[in-house]
Amino acid sequence: MQRKEKAEYLGQITNAKPDKPYQYQVDPQKLRGPLLKGNFGRSFCTACGRYQEINTDILKRLAAITKWQPLPDITNKYIELKTCFICDDRPSGIEIKDIP
């Protein structure tokens, strides 16, 4: 994937500041929109302000980090991250919250 295509797909990464978590607040309207096929939830990063759709693979990766057993049901919920996979190599501050 070329750099320009990658930037369009992921968004600009220049605004990510992993050392300043909780600088962005979640917008409930962005959590309620339709999901792409194969995805069943969303996550929100408080460090970079990105919304990402969650599929089974991503949920398993997050579950491995947090040691969730069994995989949680995130119906009508979202996952809030202190830092995400994009703005930091390893997500942190992972919480499951109800959609406001």
Protein backbone atom coordinates (compact mmCIF):
# COMPACT_ATOMS: atom_id res chain seq x y z
CA MET A 1 0.00 0.00 0.00
CA GLN A 2 1.42 3.36 -0.98
CA ARG A 3 1.98 6.04 1.62
CA LYS A 4 -0.83 8.28 0.32
CA GLU A 5 -3.35 5.42 0.29
CA LYS A 6 -2.26 4.36 3.76
CA ALA A 7 -2.69 7.91 5.08
CA GLU A 8 -6.18 8.08 3.58
CA TYR A 9 -7.08 4.69 5.07
CA LEU A 10 -5.65 5.24 8.55
CA GLY A 11 -5.92 9.01 8.74
CA GLN A 12 -3.05 11.27 9.59
CA ILE A 13 -1.07 9.94 12.51
CA THR A 14 0.62 13.25 13.28
CA ASN A 15 -2.02 14.22 15.87
CA ALA A 16 -1.37 11.15 18.05
CA LYS A 17 0.16 11.99 21.41
CA PRO A 18 0.39 8.79 23.46
CA ASP A 19 1.93 10.75 26.33
CA LYS A 20 -1.30 12.80 26.63
CA PRO A 21 -4.14 10.32 27.07
CA TYR A 22 -7.70 11.48 27.68
CA GLN A 23 -7.25 14.63 25.59
CA TYR A 24 -10.19 13.59 23.35
CA GLN A 25 -13.77 12.88 24.43
CA VAL A 26 -16.00 10.27 22.80
CA ASP A 27 -18.82 11.40 20.48
CA PRO A 28 -21.80 9.05 21.01
CA GLN A 29 -23.14 9.74 17.49
CA LYS A 30 -20.00 8.26 15.93
CA LEU A 31 -20.45 5.09 17.99
CA ARG A 32 -24.00 4.52 16.76
CA GLY A 33 -23.43 4.52 12.98
CA PRO A 34 -23.64 1.44 10.76
CA LEU A 35 -20.76 -1.05 10.83
CA LEU A 36 -18.94 -2.63 7.92
CA LYS A 37 -19.69 -6.29 7.23
CA GLY A 38 -17.82 -8.60 9.60
CA ASN A 39 -17.43 -6.00 12.35
CA PHE A 40 -19.57 -5.96 15.46
CA GLY A 41 -18.34 -3.10 17.65
CA ARG A 42 -16.22 0.03 17.92
CA SER A 43 -13.32 1.32 19.93
CA PHE A 44 -12.26 4.88 20.73
CA CYS A 45 -8.75 6.07 21.54
CA THR A 46 -8.54 8.99 23.98
CA ALA A 47 -4.94 9.80 22.97
CA CYS A 48 -5.48 10.29 19.21
CA GLY A 49 -9.28 10.58 18.94
CA ARG A 50 -9.70 7.73 16.44
CA TYR A 51 -12.72 5.48 16.16
CA GLN A 52 -12.03 1.95 14.94
CA GLU A 53 -14.36 -0.90 14.17
CA ILE A 54 -13.88 -4.12 16.13
CA ASN A 55 -13.93 -7.58 14.61
CA THR A 56 -13.19 -10.94 16.22
CA ASP A 57 -9.43 -10.74 15.54
CA ILE A 58 -9.04 -7.33 17.18
CA LEU A 59 -11.18 -8.38 20.15
CA LYS A 60 -8.96 -11.46 20.62
CA ARG A 61 -5.83 -9.26 20.56
CA LEU A 62 -7.32 -6.94 23.18
CA ALA A 63 -8.46 -9.92 25.25
CA ALA A 64 -4.92 -11.33 25.23
CA ILE A 65 -3.58 -8.04 26.58
CA THR A 66 -6.23 -7.70 29.30
CA LYS A 67 -6.60 -11.43 30.00
CA TRP A 68 -10.38 -11.38 29.45
CA GLN A 69 -11.83 -14.88 29.72
CA PRO A 70 -14.18 -15.54 27.96
CA LEU A 71 -14.36 -12.89 25.25
CA PRO A 72 -16.72 -10.13 26.41
CA ASP A 73 -20.02 -9.34 24.73
CA ILE A 74 -19.79 -5.76 23.47
CA THR A 75 -23.33 -5.44 22.16
CA ASN A 76 -24.45 -1.83 22.77
CA LYS A 77 -21.02 -1.09 24.24
CA TYR A 78 -17.71 0.28 23.03
CA ILE A 79 -14.10 -0.20 24.05
CA GLU A 80 -12.28 2.89 25.27
CA LEU A 81 -8.49 2.88 25.01
CA LYS A 82 -5.96 5.14 26.71
CA THR A 83 -3.70 4.48 23.70
CA CYS A 84 -4.47 2.38 20.61
CA PHE A 85 -2.59 0.18 18.13
CA ILE A 86 -2.05 3.15 15.81
CA CYS A 87 -0.69 5.80 18.19
CA ASP A 88 1.30 3.33 20.31
CA ASP A 89 2.60 -0.19 19.70
CA ARG A 90 0.63 -1.66 22.58
CA PRO A 91 -2.84 -0.46 23.62
CA SER A 92 -3.30 0.50 27.24
CA GLY A 93 -6.08 1.59 29.58
CA ILE A 94 -8.61 -0.75 27.96
CA GLU A 95 -12.17 -0.42 29.31
CA ILE A 96 -15.55 -1.63 28.08
CA LYS A 97 -18.19 1.09 28.48
CA ASP A 98 -21.86 1.52 27.62
CA ILE A 99 -22.61 3.74 24.64
CA PRO A 100 -23.96 7.02 26.10
